[in-house]
N, C-alpha and C. Protein backbone atom coordinates (compact mmCIF):
# COMPACT_ATOMS: atom_id res chain seq x y z
N UNK A 1 -55.98 10.81 -28.68
CA UNK A 1 -55.41 9.69 -27.96
C UNK A 1 -54.07 9.26 -28.61
N UNK A 2 -53.94 9.11 -29.92
CA UNK A 2 -52.66 8.72 -30.50
C UNK A 2 -51.58 9.68 -30.21
N UNK A 3 -51.91 10.96 -30.12
CA UNK A 3 -50.87 11.98 -29.84
C UNK A 3 -50.22 11.78 -28.48
N UNK A 4 -51.01 11.44 -27.48
CA UNK A 4 -50.47 11.16 -26.15
C UNK A 4 -49.55 9.95 -26.19
N UNK A 5 -49.90 8.95 -26.95
CA UNK A 5 -49.09 7.76 -27.00
C UNK A 5 -47.76 8.07 -27.65
N UNK A 6 -47.80 8.89 -28.69
CA UNK A 6 -46.52 9.30 -29.36
C UNK A 6 -45.62 10.03 -28.41
N UNK A 7 -46.17 11.00 -27.69
CA UNK A 7 -45.31 11.76 -26.77
C UNK A 7 -44.85 10.94 -25.63
N UNK A 8 -45.73 10.01 -25.15
CA UNK A 8 -45.28 9.08 -24.09
C UNK A 8 -44.17 8.20 -24.61
N UNK A 9 -44.29 7.70 -25.85
CA UNK A 9 -43.21 6.83 -26.39
C UNK A 9 -41.96 7.59 -26.59
N UNK A 10 -42.08 8.88 -26.99
CA UNK A 10 -40.87 9.69 -27.17
C UNK A 10 -40.19 9.89 -25.83
N UNK A 11 -40.99 10.19 -24.77
CA UNK A 11 -40.47 10.43 -23.51
C UNK A 11 -39.71 9.15 -22.99
N UNK A 12 -40.36 8.02 -23.21
CA UNK A 12 -39.75 6.74 -22.79
C UNK A 12 -38.42 6.53 -23.49
N UNK A 13 -38.41 6.78 -24.80
CA UNK A 13 -37.18 6.65 -25.57
C UNK A 13 -36.07 7.57 -25.11
N UNK A 14 -36.44 8.83 -24.78
CA UNK A 14 -35.47 9.77 -24.31
C UNK A 14 -34.87 9.34 -22.94
N UNK A 15 -35.81 8.93 -22.05
CA UNK A 15 -35.33 8.47 -20.74
C UNK A 15 -34.43 7.21 -20.84
N UNK A 16 -34.82 6.32 -21.68
CA UNK A 16 -34.00 5.09 -21.93
C UNK A 16 -32.68 5.43 -22.46
N UNK A 17 -32.66 6.38 -23.49
CA UNK A 17 -31.35 6.73 -24.06
C UNK A 17 -30.46 7.45 -23.02
N UNK A 18 -31.06 8.28 -22.18
CA UNK A 18 -30.27 8.99 -21.17
C UNK A 18 -29.72 7.97 -20.14
N UNK A 19 -30.53 7.00 -19.82
CA UNK A 19 -30.08 6.00 -18.88
C UNK A 19 -28.95 5.16 -19.42
N UNK A 20 -29.06 4.79 -20.69
CA UNK A 20 -27.96 4.01 -21.31
C UNK A 20 -26.73 4.82 -21.46
N UNK A 21 -26.85 6.12 -21.74
CA UNK A 21 -25.65 6.96 -21.84
C UNK A 21 -24.95 7.11 -20.51
N UNK A 22 -25.74 7.33 -19.46
CA UNK A 22 -25.11 7.51 -18.14
C UNK A 22 -24.53 6.20 -17.67
N UNK A 23 -25.14 5.06 -18.00
CA UNK A 23 -24.51 3.74 -17.66
C UNK A 23 -23.22 3.60 -18.37
N UNK A 24 -23.19 3.92 -19.63
CA UNK A 24 -21.93 3.79 -20.41
C UNK A 24 -20.83 4.66 -19.85
N UNK A 25 -21.16 5.88 -19.47
CA UNK A 25 -20.14 6.76 -18.91
C UNK A 25 -19.65 6.29 -17.56
N UNK A 26 -20.61 5.79 -16.75
CA UNK A 26 -20.23 5.29 -15.44
C UNK A 26 -19.39 4.00 -15.50
N UNK A 27 -19.63 3.24 -16.57
CA UNK A 27 -18.86 2.02 -16.72
C UNK A 27 -17.40 2.24 -17.06
N UNK A 28 -17.10 3.38 -17.68
CA UNK A 28 -15.70 3.66 -18.04
C UNK A 28 -14.92 4.21 -16.85
N UNK A 29 -15.59 4.80 -15.86
CA UNK A 29 -14.91 5.33 -14.71
C UNK A 29 -14.15 4.32 -13.92
N UNK A 30 -14.81 3.25 -13.43
CA UNK A 30 -14.09 2.23 -12.67
C UNK A 30 -13.00 1.57 -13.50
N UNK A 31 -13.25 1.40 -14.79
CA UNK A 31 -12.24 0.73 -15.63
C UNK A 31 -10.99 1.56 -15.67
N UNK A 32 -11.09 2.82 -15.84
CA UNK A 32 -9.94 3.72 -15.90
C UNK A 32 -9.16 3.69 -14.57
N UNK A 33 -9.91 3.77 -13.48
CA UNK A 33 -9.26 3.75 -12.16
C UNK A 33 -8.54 2.44 -11.95
N UNK A 34 -9.13 1.34 -12.38
CA UNK A 34 -8.47 0.04 -12.22
C UNK A 34 -7.18 0.01 -13.03
N UNK A 35 -7.22 0.49 -14.25
CA UNK A 35 -6.03 0.47 -15.10
C UNK A 35 -4.94 1.32 -14.45
N UNK A 36 -5.26 2.45 -13.86
CA UNK A 36 -4.23 3.25 -13.16
C UNK A 36 -3.63 2.54 -12.00
N UNK A 37 -4.47 1.83 -11.23
CA UNK A 37 -3.95 1.10 -10.08
C UNK A 37 -3.06 -0.05 -10.52
N UNK A 38 -3.46 -0.71 -11.54
CA UNK A 38 -2.65 -1.83 -12.00
C UNK A 38 -1.39 -1.42 -12.65
N UNK A 39 -1.28 -0.21 -13.19
CA UNK A 39 -0.04 0.25 -13.70
C UNK A 39 1.03 0.59 -12.69
N UNK A 40 0.59 0.80 -11.48
CA UNK A 40 1.51 1.14 -10.36
C UNK A 40 2.37 -0.15 -10.05
N UNK A 41 3.64 0.10 -9.85
CA UNK A 41 4.57 -1.05 -9.59
C UNK A 41 4.72 -1.18 -8.05
N UNK A 42 3.94 -2.08 -7.48
CA UNK A 42 3.94 -2.24 -6.04
C UNK A 42 5.25 -2.78 -5.49
N UNK A 43 5.99 -3.52 -6.31
CA UNK A 43 7.24 -4.11 -5.84
C UNK A 43 8.30 -3.06 -5.49
N UNK A 44 8.15 -1.88 -6.14
CA UNK A 44 9.11 -0.77 -5.91
C UNK A 44 8.67 0.17 -4.82
N UNK A 45 7.41 -0.05 -4.29
CA UNK A 45 6.89 0.87 -3.30
C UNK A 45 7.59 0.69 -1.96
N UNK A 46 7.60 1.73 -1.18
CA UNK A 46 8.10 1.61 0.19
C UNK A 46 7.06 0.91 1.00
N UNK A 47 7.54 0.25 2.05
CA UNK A 47 6.60 -0.50 2.94
C UNK A 47 5.49 0.34 3.48
N UNK A 48 5.78 1.61 3.75
CA UNK A 48 4.79 2.50 4.32
C UNK A 48 3.66 2.82 3.37
N UNK A 49 3.92 2.73 2.06
CA UNK A 49 2.91 3.10 1.06
C UNK A 49 2.02 1.91 0.70
N UNK A 50 2.46 0.70 1.06
CA UNK A 50 1.66 -0.50 0.71
C UNK A 50 0.25 -0.57 1.34
N UNK A 51 0.08 -0.22 2.63
CA UNK A 51 -1.26 -0.32 3.20
C UNK A 51 -2.28 0.61 2.46
N UNK A 52 -1.83 1.79 2.06
CA UNK A 52 -2.69 2.73 1.30
C UNK A 52 -3.05 2.15 -0.01
N UNK A 53 -2.07 1.61 -0.71
CA UNK A 53 -2.29 0.99 -2.04
C UNK A 53 -3.23 -0.21 -1.89
N UNK A 54 -3.06 -0.99 -0.79
CA UNK A 54 -3.92 -2.12 -0.58
C UNK A 54 -5.37 -1.67 -0.37
N UNK A 55 -5.59 -0.63 0.36
CA UNK A 55 -6.92 -0.09 0.60
C UNK A 55 -7.55 0.38 -0.73
N UNK A 56 -6.74 1.05 -1.53
CA UNK A 56 -7.26 1.48 -2.82
C UNK A 56 -7.63 0.34 -3.70
N UNK A 57 -6.79 -0.76 -3.71
CA UNK A 57 -7.17 -1.92 -4.46
C UNK A 57 -8.43 -2.55 -3.93
N UNK A 58 -8.62 -2.59 -2.60
CA UNK A 58 -9.81 -3.16 -1.99
C UNK A 58 -11.06 -2.40 -2.38
N UNK A 59 -10.97 -1.08 -2.29
CA UNK A 59 -12.15 -0.23 -2.66
C UNK A 59 -12.47 -0.43 -4.15
N UNK A 60 -11.43 -0.49 -4.98
CA UNK A 60 -11.69 -0.63 -6.41
C UNK A 60 -12.21 -2.04 -6.74
N UNK A 61 -11.81 -3.02 -6.01
CA UNK A 61 -12.30 -4.36 -6.18
C UNK A 61 -13.79 -4.43 -5.94
N UNK A 62 -14.22 -3.77 -4.92
CA UNK A 62 -15.66 -3.68 -4.54
C UNK A 62 -16.40 -2.99 -5.71
N UNK A 63 -15.88 -1.81 -6.16
CA UNK A 63 -16.58 -1.10 -7.23
C UNK A 63 -16.67 -1.92 -8.49
N UNK A 64 -15.56 -2.56 -8.86
CA UNK A 64 -15.54 -3.38 -10.07
C UNK A 64 -16.54 -4.58 -9.96
N UNK A 65 -16.51 -5.20 -8.81
CA UNK A 65 -17.39 -6.35 -8.62
C UNK A 65 -18.89 -5.93 -8.79
N UNK A 66 -19.22 -4.81 -8.11
CA UNK A 66 -20.63 -4.29 -8.22
C UNK A 66 -20.93 -3.98 -9.71
N UNK A 67 -20.06 -3.33 -10.38
CA UNK A 67 -20.29 -2.95 -11.73
C UNK A 67 -20.51 -4.16 -12.62
N UNK A 68 -19.73 -5.22 -12.39
CA UNK A 68 -19.83 -6.45 -13.18
C UNK A 68 -21.09 -7.16 -12.82
N UNK A 69 -21.49 -7.19 -11.60
CA UNK A 69 -22.81 -7.83 -11.25
C UNK A 69 -23.96 -7.02 -11.82
N UNK A 70 -23.88 -5.68 -11.82
CA UNK A 70 -24.93 -4.86 -12.39
C UNK A 70 -25.06 -5.15 -13.92
N UNK A 71 -23.93 -5.33 -14.57
CA UNK A 71 -23.99 -5.59 -16.01
C UNK A 71 -24.51 -6.92 -16.37
N UNK A 72 -24.36 -7.90 -15.46
CA UNK A 72 -24.86 -9.23 -15.67
C UNK A 72 -24.37 -9.84 -16.99
N UNK A 73 -25.36 -10.22 -17.80
CA UNK A 73 -25.10 -10.86 -19.12
C UNK A 73 -24.46 -9.91 -20.07
N UNK A 74 -24.57 -8.59 -19.79
CA UNK A 74 -23.95 -7.62 -20.74
C UNK A 74 -22.49 -7.37 -20.46
N UNK A 75 -21.92 -7.95 -19.43
CA UNK A 75 -20.53 -7.78 -19.13
C UNK A 75 -19.68 -8.40 -20.23
N UNK A 76 -18.68 -7.66 -20.57
CA UNK A 76 -17.76 -8.04 -21.64
C UNK A 76 -16.58 -8.89 -21.05
N UNK A 77 -16.04 -9.80 -21.84
CA UNK A 77 -14.92 -10.60 -21.30
C UNK A 77 -13.74 -9.76 -20.81
N UNK A 78 -13.56 -8.59 -21.45
CA UNK A 78 -12.42 -7.73 -21.02
C UNK A 78 -12.75 -7.16 -19.58
N UNK A 79 -14.01 -6.98 -19.22
CA UNK A 79 -14.39 -6.52 -17.92
C UNK A 79 -14.09 -7.61 -16.90
N UNK A 80 -14.40 -8.84 -17.24
CA UNK A 80 -14.07 -9.93 -16.32
C UNK A 80 -12.56 -10.14 -16.17
N UNK A 81 -11.86 -9.93 -17.23
CA UNK A 81 -10.36 -10.11 -17.19
C UNK A 81 -9.78 -8.98 -16.29
N UNK A 82 -10.31 -7.81 -16.40
CA UNK A 82 -9.84 -6.68 -15.62
C UNK A 82 -10.07 -6.98 -14.10
N UNK A 83 -11.30 -7.56 -13.78
CA UNK A 83 -11.58 -7.89 -12.43
C UNK A 83 -10.64 -9.02 -11.93
N UNK A 84 -10.34 -9.93 -12.76
CA UNK A 84 -9.39 -11.02 -12.37
C UNK A 84 -8.02 -10.43 -12.11
N UNK A 85 -7.58 -9.48 -12.97
CA UNK A 85 -6.27 -8.86 -12.81
C UNK A 85 -6.24 -8.10 -11.51
N UNK A 86 -7.31 -7.40 -11.22
CA UNK A 86 -7.40 -6.63 -10.00
C UNK A 86 -7.31 -7.50 -8.76
N UNK A 87 -8.07 -8.58 -8.79
CA UNK A 87 -8.15 -9.54 -7.69
C UNK A 87 -6.74 -10.19 -7.50
N UNK A 88 -6.08 -10.52 -8.56
CA UNK A 88 -4.72 -11.06 -8.49
C UNK A 88 -3.80 -10.08 -7.88
N UNK A 89 -3.83 -8.86 -8.23
CA UNK A 89 -2.92 -7.84 -7.70
C UNK A 89 -3.21 -7.60 -6.19
N UNK A 90 -4.50 -7.64 -5.86
CA UNK A 90 -4.93 -7.46 -4.48
C UNK A 90 -4.32 -8.58 -3.61
N UNK A 91 -4.39 -9.78 -4.13
CA UNK A 91 -3.84 -10.94 -3.36
C UNK A 91 -2.30 -10.86 -3.25
N UNK A 92 -1.65 -10.37 -4.30
CA UNK A 92 -0.20 -10.22 -4.28
C UNK A 92 0.26 -9.25 -3.23
N UNK A 93 -0.46 -8.07 -3.15
CA UNK A 93 -0.08 -7.05 -2.19
C UNK A 93 -0.46 -7.54 -0.78
N UNK A 94 -1.55 -8.24 -0.65
CA UNK A 94 -1.91 -8.75 0.69
C UNK A 94 -0.84 -9.74 1.18
N UNK A 95 -0.41 -10.59 0.30
CA UNK A 95 0.71 -11.55 0.68
C UNK A 95 2.00 -10.81 1.04
N UNK A 96 2.28 -9.76 0.29
CA UNK A 96 3.51 -9.03 0.61
C UNK A 96 3.39 -8.29 1.98
N UNK A 97 2.21 -7.80 2.25
CA UNK A 97 2.01 -7.16 3.52
C UNK A 97 2.09 -8.14 4.67
N UNK A 98 1.59 -9.34 4.50
CA UNK A 98 1.65 -10.38 5.51
C UNK A 98 3.05 -10.86 5.74
N UNK A 99 3.90 -10.83 4.72
CA UNK A 99 5.22 -11.34 4.82
C UNK A 99 6.14 -10.39 5.56
N UNK A 100 5.82 -9.13 5.50
CA UNK A 100 6.66 -8.07 6.15
C UNK A 100 6.38 -8.06 7.63
N UNK A 101 7.44 -7.88 8.47
CA UNK A 101 7.24 -7.79 9.91
C UNK A 101 6.58 -6.55 10.36
């Protein structure tokens, strides 16, 4: 009986470690994509490129929001700041699109 408990505990530990590792890897994906989007200078973009950039920002905003909700109390302040920066840029681009005829 103790042998089964040890192997069950080992299996649980391995599954937990694999889950944490995959969560950590997945968490860096959206962050990197957000950084790339925020580095783009939308003020220099042609008007025709703005709708595509706006859609990319919208999609990324959804991904970042879901990731932050999933992290819950484990979310870091820098994750929240990145989401705020992304939301701010999304609003800026939306306003610019609305201002253009």
